[in-house]
Amino acid sequence: MKTLFSLLCISLSLALIAASPSFAKPGSTTAKNKPGSAVSSIGNDISYPQCDSKLPSGQAFGIVGVNGGIATTTNPCLLQQLAWATTSNSSTPQPAVSLYVNTANPGHIAETWPSNNSVYGTTIFNPYGECDGSEGAACAYIYGWTRADDDANRRGISNPAQYKWWLDVETANSWSTSDLQANAASLEGMVGYFNSIGADVGIYSTAYQWQTIVGTLWDGSNLHGRDSWLAGARTERGARANCANAPLTNGGRVTLAQYVSKGLDYDVSCL
């Protein structure tokens, strides 16, 4: 009788342990905190330079470049890289998939420089007045709106409103050195278009490049309040430190910081 009672107690104890949610057999797919199984909280951004390269894996989020280096081109690997981004583990508050686009104010260098306030047959409200073909803010605004329209509708992206769009603002692209307001107007035109479809928009740059390209924004600029994605760090630690830096525009917040390692771009979430 004593032996039978002991066996019953042992059986009951094993049953209770097996039923516990914290228990998992060695090698079980439900085991937690296994060595090497930590989920990454670091994201990556990629674009056309990675077309022939092995892409990162296990990223927390992915940001994909829509263009092929300048604002009028398409990343030839865009759709494949979008598919890569959907494998992100979503371990941070960042969207699993975001997009970034090249920006510019090329003036008459551009073959598609506007001559009025019409974009693909639709008249656009222009806060700078009527575009007359000159290189000032009015036509720059329409130029930016047109480039954003192209990015959303003419590069093979489905449902563009579902993504967060980042404006890549760098001195390597074409900008006016004498009319910073026109530079800002081009970016404002892009924001205007993305706002018109209900998409969220942020700004990628460094404080130096931003000031060099746009200077001081007018109070009514739609660039104010935008999230900032800060570049320039060389290490994860440096990127995390940049999360404490000032945003690029008034009323904004720094939500991402980038660093470069072994030829790849990595991103930390500042949220």
Protein backbone atom coordinates (compact mmCIF):
# COMPACT_ATOMS: atom_id res chain seq x y z
CA MET A 1 0.00 0.00 0.00
CA LYS A 2 2.83 2.37 0.90
CA THR A 3 4.61 1.57 -2.37
CA LEU A 4 1.47 2.20 -4.41
CA PHE A 5 0.90 5.54 -2.66
CA SER A 6 4.49 6.61 -3.41
CA LEU A 7 4.09 5.73 -7.07
CA LEU A 8 0.87 7.73 -7.28
CA CYS A 9 2.61 10.80 -5.76
CA ILE A 10 5.48 10.55 -8.23
CA SER A 11 3.08 10.24 -11.17
CA LEU A 12 1.07 13.24 -9.99
CA SER A 13 4.23 15.36 -9.60
CA LEU A 14 5.39 14.51 -13.13
CA ALA A 15 1.99 15.37 -14.54
CA LEU A 16 1.98 18.77 -12.83
CA ILE A 17 5.50 19.56 -14.10
CA ALA A 18 4.58 18.58 -17.65
CA ALA A 19 1.51 20.82 -17.52
CA SER A 20 3.50 23.85 -16.37
CA PRO A 21 3.85 26.52 -19.15
CA SER A 22 7.48 27.10 -18.20
CA PHE A 23 8.47 23.50 -18.81
CA ALA A 24 9.83 22.29 -22.12
CA LYS A 25 11.72 19.16 -23.00
CA PRO A 26 15.30 19.56 -24.23
CA GLY A 27 15.20 20.16 -27.98
CA SER A 28 11.51 21.09 -27.96
CA THR A 29 10.46 23.89 -30.34
CA THR A 30 8.71 25.61 -27.41
CA ALA A 31 11.85 25.84 -25.28
CA LYS A 32 12.67 29.42 -24.23
CA ASN A 33 16.01 31.24 -23.99
CA LYS A 34 18.04 28.52 -25.66
CA PRO A 35 21.68 29.42 -26.31
CA GLY A 36 21.94 31.29 -29.61
CA SER A 37 18.17 31.82 -29.88
CA ALA A 38 18.07 35.48 -28.78
CA VAL A 39 15.85 37.62 -31.02
CA SER A 40 17.65 40.55 -32.63
CA SER A 41 16.44 44.10 -31.97
CA ILE A 42 18.65 45.55 -34.74
CA GLY A 43 17.26 46.37 -38.17
CA ASN A 44 18.91 46.78 -41.57
CA ASP A 45 18.42 49.08 -44.53
CA ILE A 46 19.31 47.88 -48.02
CA SER A 47 18.94 49.04 -51.60
CA TYR A 48 20.36 48.56 -55.11
CA PRO A 49 24.01 48.12 -53.93
CA GLN A 50 22.91 44.87 -52.27
CA CYS A 51 21.30 43.45 -55.42
CA ASP A 52 24.08 40.88 -55.93
CA SER A 53 24.94 40.39 -52.26
CA LYS A 54 23.80 38.05 -49.53
CA LEU A 55 21.18 39.88 -47.50
CA PRO A 56 21.15 40.06 -43.70
CA SER A 57 18.98 37.60 -41.79
CA GLY A 58 17.16 37.73 -38.48
CA GLN A 59 16.71 41.50 -38.69
CA ALA A 60 14.19 43.18 -36.39
CA PHE A 61 12.93 45.40 -39.24
CA GLY A 62 13.88 46.15 -42.82
CA ILE A 63 14.02 49.48 -44.67
CA VAL A 64 14.25 49.18 -48.44
CA GLY A 65 15.48 51.81 -50.88
CA VAL A 66 13.01 52.44 -53.69
CA ASN A 67 15.40 54.22 -56.08
CA GLY A 68 18.57 53.30 -57.88
CA GLY A 69 20.68 56.07 -56.38
CA ILE A 70 18.93 59.16 -57.77
CA ALA A 71 15.34 60.30 -57.46
CA THR A 72 14.25 59.45 -61.02
CA THR A 73 15.36 55.80 -61.01
CA THR A 74 14.08 52.48 -59.67
CA ASN A 75 15.97 49.97 -57.54
CA PRO A 76 16.14 46.91 -59.86
CA CYS A 77 15.86 44.56 -56.86
CA LEU A 78 13.03 46.43 -55.15
CA LEU A 79 10.44 43.65 -55.12
CA GLN A 80 12.90 40.96 -54.01
CA GLN A 81 14.17 43.21 -51.24
CA LEU A 82 10.63 44.00 -50.12
CA ALA A 83 10.08 40.26 -49.80
CA TRP A 84 13.24 40.06 -47.66
CA ALA A 85 11.95 42.82 -45.38
CA THR A 86 8.74 40.90 -44.69
CA THR A 87 10.84 38.25 -42.91
CA SER A 88 11.71 40.76 -40.16
CA ASN A 89 11.01 39.56 -36.61
CA SER A 90 9.16 42.74 -35.51
CA SER A 91 10.80 42.76 -32.08
CA THR A 92 10.76 46.58 -31.85
CA PRO A 93 8.04 49.25 -32.22
CA GLN A 94 9.36 50.00 -35.73
CA PRO A 95 7.29 48.86 -38.73
CA ALA A 96 8.52 45.51 -40.01
CA VAL A 97 8.86 47.03 -43.49
CA SER A 98 9.55 50.66 -44.40
CA LEU A 99 10.77 52.40 -47.55
CA TYR A 100 13.22 55.19 -48.26
CA VAL A 101 13.51 57.37 -51.35
CA ASN A 102 16.20 59.57 -52.85
CA THR A 103 15.47 63.28 -52.94
CA ALA A 104 16.82 66.25 -54.90
CA ASN A 105 16.23 69.75 -56.23
CA PRO A 106 18.00 69.55 -59.61
CA GLY A 107 16.45 72.62 -61.25
CA HIS A 108 16.67 72.63 -65.04
CA ILE A 109 19.18 69.76 -64.93
CA ALA A 110 16.13 67.51 -64.61
CA GLU A 111 14.45 66.31 -67.78
CA THR A 112 11.18 66.28 -65.86
CA TRP A 113 11.38 69.79 -64.39
CA PRO A 114 7.79 71.13 -64.18
CA SER A 115 6.35 74.15 -65.99
CA ASN A 116 3.02 74.47 -64.14
CA ASN A 117 1.17 73.12 -61.11
CA SER A 118 -0.13 70.04 -62.88
CA VAL A 119 1.10 66.53 -62.02
CA TYR A 120 -0.06 63.82 -64.41
CA GLY A 121 -3.10 65.90 -65.34
CA THR A 122 -4.09 66.85 -61.80
CA THR A 123 -3.68 70.43 -60.55
CA ILE A 124 -1.87 70.47 -57.21
CA PHE A 125 -2.32 73.09 -54.51
CA ASN A 126 1.02 74.82 -54.27
CA PRO A 127 1.84 76.84 -51.13
CA TYR A 128 4.48 78.74 -53.12
CA GLY A 129 2.13 79.86 -55.88
CA GLU A 130 2.21 79.07 -59.58
CA CYS A 131 5.14 77.14 -61.07
CA ASP A 132 6.30 79.00 -64.20
CA GLY A 133 9.23 76.75 -65.11
CA SER A 134 11.79 78.69 -63.08
CA GLU A 135 14.09 77.11 -60.51
CA GLY A 136 12.45 78.66 -57.45
CA ALA A 137 10.42 77.14 -54.65
CA ALA A 138 7.12 76.94 -56.59
CA CYS A 139 8.46 74.57 -59.26
CA ALA A 140 10.64 72.70 -56.76
CA TYR A 141 7.50 71.87 -54.79
CA ILE A 142 5.85 70.38 -57.88
CA TYR A 143 9.04 68.52 -58.72
CA GLY A 144 9.08 66.89 -55.28
CA TRP A 145 5.39 66.01 -55.49
CA THR A 146 5.98 64.37 -58.89
CA ARG A 147 8.92 62.29 -57.65
CA ALA A 148 6.89 61.02 -54.69
CA ASP A 149 3.99 60.18 -57.00
CA ASP A 150 6.40 58.21 -59.18
CA ASP A 151 7.85 56.37 -56.18
CA ALA A 152 4.42 55.35 -54.92
CA ASN A 153 2.73 54.49 -58.20
CA ARG A 154 5.29 53.77 -60.93
CA ARG A 155 7.88 51.51 -59.36
CA GLY A 156 5.80 48.39 -58.74
CA ILE A 157 4.78 49.00 -55.11
CA SER A 158 1.35 47.75 -54.09
CA ASN A 159 -0.68 49.72 -51.53
CA PRO A 160 1.90 52.47 -50.93
CA ALA A 161 -0.15 54.02 -48.13
CA GLN A 162 0.60 51.08 -45.84
CA TYR A 163 4.31 51.94 -45.58
CA LYS A 164 6.29 54.54 -43.71
CA TRP A 165 8.34 56.51 -46.23
CA TRP A 166 11.70 58.05 -45.36
CA LEU A 167 13.13 60.95 -47.37
CA ASP A 168 16.86 60.38 -47.86
CA VAL A 169 18.38 63.87 -47.74
CA GLU A 170 22.09 63.85 -48.60
CA THR A 171 24.52 66.34 -50.12
CA ALA A 172 25.56 63.72 -52.71
CA ASN A 173 22.39 64.46 -54.68
CA SER A 174 21.56 67.61 -56.69
CA TRP A 175 20.68 70.69 -54.65
CA SER A 176 20.74 74.43 -55.05
CA THR A 177 23.55 76.13 -53.14
CA SER A 178 21.88 79.55 -53.35
CA ASP A 179 18.18 78.81 -52.76
CA LEU A 180 17.76 76.63 -49.69
CA GLN A 181 14.05 77.43 -49.60
CA ALA A 182 13.66 75.75 -52.98
CA ASN A 183 15.48 72.70 -51.62
CA ALA A 184 13.08 72.55 -48.71
CA ALA A 185 10.14 73.05 -51.10
CA SER A 186 11.08 69.92 -53.05
CA LEU A 187 10.99 67.90 -49.83
CA GLU A 188 7.74 69.57 -48.82
CA GLY A 189 6.23 68.55 -52.14
CA MET A 190 7.16 64.93 -51.43
CA VAL A 191 5.62 65.12 -47.98
CA GLY A 192 2.55 66.75 -49.51
CA TYR A 193 2.05 63.81 -51.86
CA PHE A 194 2.59 61.11 -49.22
CA ASN A 195 0.25 62.95 -46.86
CA SER A 196 -2.36 63.01 -49.62
CA ILE A 197 -2.46 59.19 -49.67
CA GLY A 198 -2.38 58.88 -45.88
CA ALA A 199 1.20 57.60 -45.61
CA ASP A 200 3.57 58.48 -42.76
CA VAL A 201 6.80 60.31 -43.68
CA GLY A 202 10.14 60.72 -41.88
CA ILE A 203 13.51 62.27 -42.71
CA TYR A 204 16.89 60.52 -42.98
CA SER A 205 19.99 62.72 -42.79
CA THR A 206 22.69 64.08 -40.52
CA ALA A 207 22.40 67.42 -38.75
CA TYR A 208 25.21 68.84 -40.91
CA GLN A 209 23.75 67.72 -44.25
CA TRP A 210 20.26 68.83 -43.25
CA GLN A 211 21.43 72.33 -42.37
CA THR A 212 23.56 72.53 -45.51
CA ILE A 213 20.64 71.59 -47.77
CA VAL A 214 17.58 73.24 -46.17
CA GLY A 215 18.87 75.68 -43.54
CA THR A 216 16.10 77.22 -41.42
CA LEU A 217 12.56 76.16 -42.31
CA TRP A 218 9.64 78.57 -42.42
CA ASP A 219 7.10 78.12 -39.63
CA GLY A 220 4.42 76.63 -41.88
CA SER A 221 6.64 73.95 -43.41
CA ASN A 222 5.16 70.44 -43.39
CA LEU A 223 8.66 69.16 -42.60
CA HIS A 224 8.26 70.24 -38.98
CA GLY A 225 7.26 67.44 -36.63
CA ARG A 226 8.67 64.67 -38.82
CA ASP A 227 10.43 61.68 -37.29
CA SER A 228 14.20 61.72 -37.72
CA TRP A 229 16.43 58.81 -38.75
CA LEU A 230 19.97 59.91 -37.94
CA ALA A 231 22.99 58.66 -39.88
CA GLY A 232 26.69 58.98 -39.14
CA ALA A 233 27.54 56.43 -36.43
CA ARG A 234 30.19 53.74 -36.90
CA THR A 235 29.13 51.45 -34.07
CA GLU A 236 25.95 50.28 -32.40
CA ARG A 237 26.98 52.14 -29.27
CA GLY A 238 27.43 55.32 -31.27
CA ALA A 239 24.05 54.91 -32.92
CA ARG A 240 22.34 54.41 -29.55
CA ALA A 241 24.04 57.58 -28.32
CA ASN A 242 22.66 59.44 -31.35
CA CYS A 243 19.15 58.54 -30.22
CA ALA A 244 19.59 61.32 -27.63
CA ASN A 245 20.44 63.94 -30.27
CA ALA A 246 18.06 66.67 -31.36
CA PRO A 247 15.62 65.81 -34.18
CA LEU A 248 16.17 67.35 -37.60
CA THR A 249 13.03 69.50 -37.41
CA ASN A 250 11.10 71.28 -34.68
CA GLY A 251 8.48 69.12 -33.01
CA GLY A 252 9.95 65.91 -34.36
CA ARG A 253 11.58 63.02 -32.56
CA VAL A 254 14.55 60.77 -33.26
CA THR A 255 13.12 57.30 -33.83
CA LEU A 256 16.00 55.57 -35.66
CA ALA A 257 19.78 55.78 -35.72
CA GLN A 258 22.02 54.11 -38.27
CA TYR A 259 25.52 52.68 -38.09
CA VAL A 260 27.68 50.95 -40.69
CA SER A 261 29.56 47.71 -40.12
CA LYS A 262 31.40 45.50 -42.63
CA GLY A 263 29.71 47.13 -45.59
CA LEU A 264 26.15 46.83 -44.29
CA ASP A 265 23.81 49.43 -42.79
CA TYR A 266 22.38 48.60 -39.37
CA ASP A 267 19.69 50.52 -37.52
CA VAL A 268 18.71 50.78 -33.87
CA SER A 269 15.25 51.75 -32.72
CA CYS A 270 15.17 54.83 -30.49
CA LEU A 271 11.59 54.17 -29.39
